[in-house]
Amino acid sequence: MARKNLIGVSDSHAAGLEDERPLAGRQIAGLAAGQRPPTPIGGITRSLSAITQKVERAQELERQLAEGQAVIELDPAMVDVSFVADRLGIEADVEQSLLQQIRDHGQQVPILVRPHPDEQGRYQVAYGHRRLAATRALGSKVRAVVRELSDEQLVISQGQENNARTDLSFIERSLFATRLEDRGFSRDVIMSSLGVDKAALSKMIAIVRRLPVDVIEAVGAAPSIGRRRWTELAELIIEDDERVRTQAFVARSDFPERPSDQRFETLFAYLSQVKARSQVIAWVAPDDTSPVRIRETNRETTLSFNRKTAPGFADFVRQRLNSLYLEYQQETGD
C-alpha cells in the first residue's frame, strides 16, 4: 500500500513551486523577473551555469559603471558642455584634422562625463569637448565614461586632462583659473586642477585681472605666446583710454580673420606704436614722491593721480580748477 503524501502536495507540484520562487537581486537582461526558463531535466546544470555567467557579467558591468570604467555610447544631443569653459575657440585646421581622424578611424579615446546635476537623463562633460563636437558634426554616437563627480572633481579632472595633453595655451589656462576663482573654488582646488604652485597661479590670475576679458577672447588662445608677452601686453593697457582704444582695435572686421598668434602680434605692435607716440612724465613733488603722471600726445595732455601716493590730491586739484583757470587766463592775457 502506497504511503500517503503527509503534507498534501505532490512531488511534481513541489518542484513547480520551487521553480516559481523569485530570483534574488536585480532583473538581468534576457530573463524575466521572478521565473526561470523551462529546460529539460538533462540541461539543468548547463542552464544554471549560463544564468550564473549572465549574473556575473551584469554585476561586473554595474561595478565598472559605478567606478567609471565602462565605455558606453551616448547621443551627443544629450551631453552638455562643462559649466566652466577652458578653451578660447578651436582653430579651423585643428578642428578639421580631428574630424577627419574620427571619421577615418573612429573615436579612439572616450570622453569623461557625469550625470547632469540639474537635468534628469542628461550628461555634462568633464573633458573631451572637441571630441564631442566632432561626433556631433559627424552625426555619430560619442563614446564616454560616465562617473559620479562633484563640481570640484569635475574641474580637477577637466584641468588635469588638458594639462596632461599640454594643449591649452598659457592664456587659456590663466582664464580657466580666473573663472574657477570667480565661481568660488579655492586656490588649492585650482592648483590641483592645473598642476601649478601658488606663485605661478597668482601670476596667471593677476594677468587676466589686468586685461579686458573681451580683448583676451578676441585674441584667442595664442598658443605660441607665453606669460612674459602677455604681461608686456597688459603693461600697454593700463589707462581707461588705452582700454577703449584696444577694444576698438580688436572689434575691427579684419581682426578675427588672422590666426590667433598673429592677432596677438598685430595688437601688440599697434599698442606699442601708440605708446611710442605718447610721452609720459612722472611729476616729482617737493617731498620726492610722484603723485601725478603727465601723458602728452598730439591731441591732449592727461594727468593721472596716484591715489596711494597722495590720497585726496585729485579732489584737491579738482576743487581748485576754477581758480587755476582764472590764474591761467590772467597770465596768458586771454
Protein backbone atom coordinates (compact mmCIF):
# COMPACT_ATOMS: atom_id res chain seq x y z
CA MET A 1 0.00 0.00 0.00
CA ALA A 2 1.38 3.27 -1.09
CA ARG A 3 2.14 5.78 1.62
CA LYS A 4 0.03 8.91 1.61
CA ASN A 5 1.57 12.29 1.00
CA LEU A 6 1.59 13.63 4.54
CA ILE A 7 1.74 17.32 3.52
CA GLY A 8 -0.85 17.05 0.75
CA VAL A 9 1.41 18.27 -2.09
CA SER A 10 2.71 16.07 -4.88
CA ASP A 11 6.45 15.91 -5.64
CA SER A 12 5.92 17.35 -9.10
CA HIS A 13 3.89 20.27 -7.73
CA ALA A 14 6.53 20.97 -5.10
CA ALA A 15 9.17 21.14 -7.77
CA GLY A 16 6.98 23.57 -9.67
CA LEU A 17 6.69 25.83 -6.63
CA GLU A 18 10.48 25.91 -6.29
CA ASP A 19 10.83 26.98 -9.91
CA GLU A 20 8.37 29.83 -9.39
CA ARG A 21 10.25 31.43 -6.48
CA PRO A 22 11.56 34.89 -7.40
CA LEU A 23 15.24 35.22 -8.24
CA ALA A 24 17.36 37.23 -5.83
CA GLY A 25 18.85 40.53 -6.99
CA ARG A 26 18.09 42.80 -9.97
CA GLN A 27 16.42 41.73 -13.19
CA ILE A 28 19.01 40.54 -15.69
CA ALA A 29 18.80 41.38 -19.37
CA GLY A 30 17.24 38.48 -21.28
CA LEU A 31 15.49 36.97 -18.27
CA ALA A 32 12.02 37.81 -16.94
CA ALA A 33 11.95 38.71 -13.28
CA GLY A 34 10.51 36.04 -10.97
CA GLN A 35 10.85 32.97 -13.22
CA ARG A 36 13.36 30.74 -14.90
CA PRO A 37 13.06 29.47 -18.47
CA PRO A 38 11.85 25.86 -18.66
CA THR A 39 14.64 23.44 -19.51
CA PRO A 40 14.82 19.70 -19.98
CA ILE A 41 15.91 17.80 -16.88
CA GLY A 42 19.19 16.89 -18.53
CA GLY A 43 20.04 20.55 -19.25
CA ILE A 44 19.53 21.96 -15.76
CA THR A 45 23.24 22.07 -15.00
CA ARG A 46 24.04 23.85 -18.27
CA SER A 47 21.20 26.36 -17.76
CA LEU A 48 22.30 27.16 -14.22
CA SER A 49 25.83 27.72 -15.47
CA ALA A 50 24.60 30.10 -18.19
CA ILE A 51 22.48 32.01 -15.68
CA THR A 52 25.42 32.31 -13.32
CA GLN A 53 27.58 33.70 -16.14
CA LYS A 54 24.90 36.27 -17.03
CA VAL A 55 24.61 37.34 -13.40
CA GLU A 56 28.38 37.71 -13.14
CA ARG A 57 28.56 39.72 -16.38
CA ALA A 58 25.75 42.03 -15.21
CA GLN A 59 27.40 42.52 -11.83
CA GLU A 60 30.76 43.27 -13.46
CA LEU A 61 29.15 45.82 -15.79
CA GLU A 62 27.46 47.51 -12.85
CA ARG A 63 30.76 47.59 -10.95
CA GLN A 64 32.57 49.13 -13.91
CA LEU A 65 29.85 51.73 -14.42
CA ALA A 66 29.95 52.62 -10.72
CA GLU A 67 33.73 53.05 -10.91
CA GLY A 68 33.54 54.88 -14.21
CA GLN A 69 35.48 52.19 -16.10
CA ALA A 70 32.96 51.02 -18.68
CA VAL A 71 32.81 52.86 -22.00
CA ILE A 72 29.29 53.42 -23.29
CA GLU A 73 27.84 55.22 -26.31
CA LEU A 74 25.71 58.34 -25.83
CA ASP A 75 23.69 60.58 -28.09
CA PRO A 76 25.75 63.83 -28.31
CA ALA A 77 22.50 65.78 -28.13
CA MET A 78 22.11 64.55 -24.53
CA VAL A 79 25.54 65.80 -23.46
CA ASP A 80 26.17 69.39 -22.30
CA VAL A 81 29.49 71.19 -22.01
CA SER A 82 31.20 71.85 -18.68
CA PHE A 83 29.87 74.70 -16.55
CA VAL A 84 33.23 76.49 -16.91
CA ALA A 85 34.90 76.95 -20.30
CA ASP A 86 38.58 76.12 -20.67
CA ARG A 87 39.14 76.98 -24.34
CA LEU A 88 39.15 80.14 -26.40
CA GLY A 89 37.82 78.55 -29.58
CA ILE A 90 39.36 75.96 -31.87
CA GLU A 91 41.39 76.78 -34.95
CA ALA A 92 39.64 75.60 -38.12
CA ASP A 93 42.54 73.40 -39.27
CA VAL A 94 42.75 71.65 -35.88
CA GLU A 95 39.00 71.08 -35.86
CA GLN A 96 39.04 69.61 -39.38
CA SER A 97 42.01 67.38 -38.57
CA LEU A 98 40.22 65.86 -35.55
CA LEU A 99 37.00 65.48 -37.54
CA GLN A 100 38.82 63.60 -40.31
CA GLN A 101 40.67 61.40 -37.82
CA ILE A 102 37.45 60.29 -36.12
CA ARG A 103 35.75 59.81 -39.49
CA ASP A 104 38.57 57.53 -40.70
CA HIS A 105 39.45 55.63 -37.53
CA GLY A 106 36.57 56.16 -35.12
CA GLN A 107 36.74 57.79 -31.70
CA GLN A 108 39.70 56.07 -30.07
CA VAL A 109 39.68 57.92 -26.73
CA PRO A 110 36.41 58.22 -24.76
CA ILE A 111 35.31 61.46 -23.13
CA LEU A 112 34.53 61.75 -19.42
CA VAL A 113 31.03 62.84 -18.40
CA ARG A 114 28.91 62.93 -15.28
CA PRO A 115 25.12 62.69 -14.90
CA HIS A 116 23.87 66.26 -15.23
CA PRO A 117 23.36 67.70 -11.74
CA ASP A 118 20.22 69.62 -12.71
CA GLU A 119 18.60 67.82 -15.67
CA GLN A 120 17.42 64.22 -15.46
CA GLY A 121 18.62 61.98 -18.26
CA ARG A 122 21.33 64.37 -19.49
CA TYR A 123 25.10 64.42 -19.01
CA GLN A 124 27.81 67.04 -18.55
CA VAL A 125 31.34 66.90 -19.93
CA ALA A 126 34.39 66.95 -17.69
CA TYR A 127 36.79 66.66 -20.62
CA GLY A 128 36.57 65.81 -24.31
CA HIS A 129 34.72 68.87 -25.65
CA ARG A 130 36.42 68.71 -29.06
CA ARG A 131 35.69 65.01 -29.47
CA LEU A 132 32.06 65.67 -28.50
CA ALA A 133 31.82 68.46 -31.10
CA ALA A 134 33.37 66.21 -33.77
CA THR A 135 30.97 63.30 -33.16
CA ARG A 136 28.07 65.74 -33.13
CA ALA A 137 29.17 67.10 -36.52
CA LEU A 138 29.53 63.56 -37.88
CA GLY A 139 26.12 62.52 -36.57
CA SER A 140 27.56 59.58 -34.66
CA LYS A 141 27.40 58.41 -31.05
CA VAL A 142 30.04 59.64 -28.64
CA ARG A 143 31.98 57.07 -26.61
CA ALA A 144 32.08 58.12 -22.97
CA VAL A 145 32.92 57.05 -19.44
CA VAL A 146 30.17 58.04 -17.01
CA ARG A 147 31.28 58.84 -13.48
CA GLU A 148 29.65 60.49 -10.50
CA LEU A 149 31.63 63.71 -9.96
CA SER A 150 31.23 66.68 -7.66
CA ASP A 151 31.86 70.15 -9.08
CA GLU A 152 35.37 70.12 -7.60
CA GLN A 153 36.13 66.66 -9.00
CA LEU A 154 34.86 67.74 -12.41
CA VAL A 155 37.07 70.82 -12.70
CA ILE A 156 40.11 68.93 -11.36
CA SER A 157 39.56 66.19 -13.96
CA GLN A 158 38.97 68.81 -16.64
CA GLY A 159 42.15 70.70 -15.82
CA GLN A 160 44.38 67.68 -15.29
CA GLU A 161 43.36 66.08 -18.58
CA ASN A 162 44.15 69.24 -20.54
CA ASN A 163 47.35 69.71 -18.56
CA ALA A 164 48.45 66.15 -19.38
CA ARG A 165 47.79 66.76 -23.07
CA THR A 166 49.58 70.15 -22.93
CA ASP A 167 47.12 71.53 -25.48
CA LEU A 168 45.86 74.54 -23.53
CA SER A 169 47.81 77.75 -24.06
CA PHE A 170 49.06 79.94 -21.23
CA ILE A 171 46.21 82.44 -21.51
CA GLU A 172 43.57 79.67 -21.73
CA ARG A 173 44.91 78.12 -18.52
CA SER A 174 45.04 81.55 -16.86
CA LEU A 175 41.49 82.42 -17.90
CA PHE A 176 40.26 78.99 -16.78
CA ALA A 177 41.89 79.55 -13.36
CA THR A 178 40.32 83.00 -13.04
CA ARG A 179 36.87 81.71 -13.97
CA LEU A 180 37.17 78.99 -11.35
CA GLU A 181 38.13 81.54 -8.71
CA ASP A 182 35.19 83.73 -9.73
CA ARG A 183 32.92 80.71 -9.17
CA GLY A 184 34.17 80.34 -5.61
CA PHE A 185 36.63 77.46 -5.97
CA SER A 186 39.58 77.58 -3.58
CA ARG A 187 43.08 78.12 -4.89
CA ASP A 188 44.04 74.66 -3.63
CA VAL A 189 41.45 73.13 -5.96
CA ILE A 190 42.61 75.34 -8.85
CA MET A 191 46.25 74.40 -8.24
CA SER A 192 45.31 70.70 -8.30
CA SER A 193 43.37 71.21 -11.50
CA LEU A 194 46.19 72.97 -13.36
CA GLY A 195 49.17 71.33 -11.70
CA VAL A 196 50.82 74.64 -10.73
CA ASP A 197 52.14 76.07 -7.48
CA LYS A 198 50.77 79.03 -5.56
CA ALA A 199 53.18 81.59 -7.02
CA ALA A 200 52.53 80.56 -10.63
CA LEU A 201 48.77 80.58 -10.10
CA SER A 202 48.89 84.08 -8.58
CA LYS A 203 50.75 85.40 -11.64
CA MET A 204 48.30 83.73 -14.03
CA ILE A 205 45.26 85.21 -12.33
CA ALA A 206 46.91 88.63 -11.94
CA ILE A 207 47.49 88.91 -15.69
CA VAL A 208 43.86 88.12 -16.50
CA ARG A 209 42.69 90.66 -13.91
CA ARG A 210 44.72 93.37 -15.68
CA LEU A 211 43.35 92.65 -19.17
CA PRO A 212 39.82 93.20 -20.51
CA VAL A 213 38.28 89.74 -20.90
CA ASP A 214 36.68 90.70 -24.24
CA VAL A 215 40.16 91.54 -25.55
CA ILE A 216 41.51 88.15 -24.40
CA GLU A 217 38.61 86.39 -26.10
CA ALA A 218 39.11 88.41 -29.29
CA VAL A 219 42.81 87.49 -29.43
CA GLY A 220 42.09 83.84 -28.68
CA ALA A 221 44.33 81.04 -27.45
CA ALA A 222 47.58 82.40 -28.98
CA PRO A 223 49.34 79.04 -28.41
CA SER A 224 52.85 80.41 -29.02
CA ILE A 225 52.51 83.35 -26.62
CA GLY A 226 53.68 82.81 -23.04
CA ARG A 227 53.43 84.64 -19.75
CA ARG A 228 56.11 87.26 -20.45
CA ARG A 229 54.47 88.51 -23.65
CA TRP A 230 51.01 88.65 -22.08
CA THR A 231 52.49 90.62 -19.18
CA GLU A 232 54.02 93.07 -21.63
CA LEU A 233 50.66 93.45 -23.36
CA ALA A 234 48.98 94.17 -20.03
CA GLU A 235 51.51 96.97 -19.44
CA LEU A 236 50.26 98.62 -22.62
CA ILE A 237 46.63 98.58 -21.46
CA ILE A 238 46.63 100.41 -18.14
CA GLU A 239 44.65 103.59 -18.58
CA ASP A 240 40.97 103.78 -19.50
CA ASP A 241 41.69 105.45 -22.83
CA GLU A 242 44.11 102.62 -23.68
CA ARG A 243 41.42 100.08 -22.92
CA VAL A 244 38.91 101.88 -25.13
CA ARG A 245 41.45 102.13 -27.94
CA THR A 246 42.30 98.43 -27.60
CA GLN A 247 38.68 97.30 -27.62
CA ALA A 248 38.02 99.38 -30.73
CA PHE A 249 41.02 97.81 -32.48
CA VAL A 250 40.01 94.18 -31.80
CA ALA A 251 36.44 94.97 -32.91
CA ARG A 252 37.62 95.75 -36.44
CA SER A 253 36.14 93.41 -39.02
CA ASP A 254 39.52 92.21 -40.32
CA PHE A 255 40.93 91.33 -36.88
CA PRO A 256 39.31 87.85 -36.47
CA GLU A 257 40.49 86.76 -39.93
CA ARG A 258 44.08 86.28 -38.73
CA PRO A 259 45.33 83.21 -36.83
CA SER A 260 45.35 83.72 -33.07
CA ASP A 261 49.13 84.22 -32.71
CA GLN A 262 49.03 86.86 -35.43
CA ARG A 263 46.13 88.62 -33.73
CA PHE A 264 48.25 88.96 -30.61
CA GLU A 265 51.27 90.26 -32.52
CA THR A 266 49.15 92.72 -34.51
CA LEU A 267 47.54 94.13 -31.36
CA PHE A 268 50.88 94.30 -29.54
CA ALA A 269 52.53 96.18 -32.43
CA TYR A 270 49.63 98.64 -32.64
CA LEU A 271 49.66 99.44 -28.92
CA SER A 272 53.46 99.72 -28.90
CA GLN A 273 53.29 102.31 -31.69
CA VAL A 274 50.60 104.26 -29.83
CA LYS A 275 52.70 104.20 -26.68
CA ALA A 276 55.77 105.39 -28.58
CA ARG A 277 53.83 108.42 -29.88
CA SER A 278 52.98 109.47 -26.35
CA GLN A 279 55.31 110.83 -23.71
CA VAL A 280 54.74 110.01 -20.06
CA ILE A 281 56.39 112.13 -17.38
CA ALA A 282 56.27 111.43 -13.67
CA TRP A 283 55.94 114.75 -11.86
CA VAL A 284 58.17 114.80 -8.79
CA ALA A 285 56.72 116.69 -5.82
CA PRO A 286 58.82 118.64 -3.28
CA ASP A 287 58.71 115.64 -0.92
CA ASP A 288 60.32 113.48 -3.69
CA THR A 289 57.13 111.47 -4.34
CA SER A 290 55.50 111.13 -7.75
CA PRO A 291 51.76 111.56 -7.19
CA VAL A 292 51.00 112.61 -10.78
CA ARG A 293 51.84 111.21 -14.20
CA ILE A 294 51.61 113.51 -17.20
CA ARG A 295 50.96 111.96 -20.60
CA GLU A 296 51.47 114.02 -23.73
CA THR A 297 50.06 113.12 -27.14
CA ASN A 298 49.44 115.12 -30.29
CA ARG A 299 45.81 115.60 -29.23
CA GLU A 300 45.82 116.03 -25.46
CA THR A 301 47.60 116.13 -22.15
CA THR A 302 46.39 113.75 -19.44
CA LEU A 303 47.07 113.93 -15.71
CA SER A 304 46.89 110.66 -13.76
CA PHE A 305 46.76 110.91 -9.96
CA ASN A 306 48.20 108.13 -7.83
CA ARG A 307 45.66 107.61 -5.05
CA LYS A 308 48.07 105.57 -2.97
CA THR A 309 50.89 108.11 -3.06
CA ALA A 310 48.71 111.16 -2.41
CA PRO A 311 45.19 110.25 -1.29
CA GLY A 312 42.73 113.06 -2.00
CA PHE A 313 45.12 115.11 -4.13
CA ALA A 314 42.96 114.65 -7.22
CA ASP A 315 39.93 116.05 -5.38
CA PHE A 316 42.05 118.91 -4.07
CA VAL A 317 43.05 119.90 -7.62
CA ARG A 318 39.54 119.37 -8.98
CA GLN A 319 38.07 121.79 -6.43
CA ARG A 320 40.57 124.46 -7.48
CA LEU A 321 40.17 124.17 -11.24
CA ASN A 322 38.16 127.42 -11.46
CA SER A 323 40.81 129.47 -9.66
CA LEU A 324 43.60 127.79 -11.60
CA TYR A 325 41.89 128.55 -14.89
CA LEU A 326 41.36 132.19 -13.91
CA GLU A 327 45.02 132.44 -12.94
CA TYR A 328 45.94 130.91 -16.33
CA GLN A 329 43.81 133.50 -18.16
CA GLN A 330 45.42 136.36 -16.25
CA GLU A 331 48.93 135.16 -17.05
CA THR A 332 48.23 134.48 -20.75
CA GLY A 333 46.07 137.59 -21.24
CA ASP A 334 43.10 135.52 -22.55
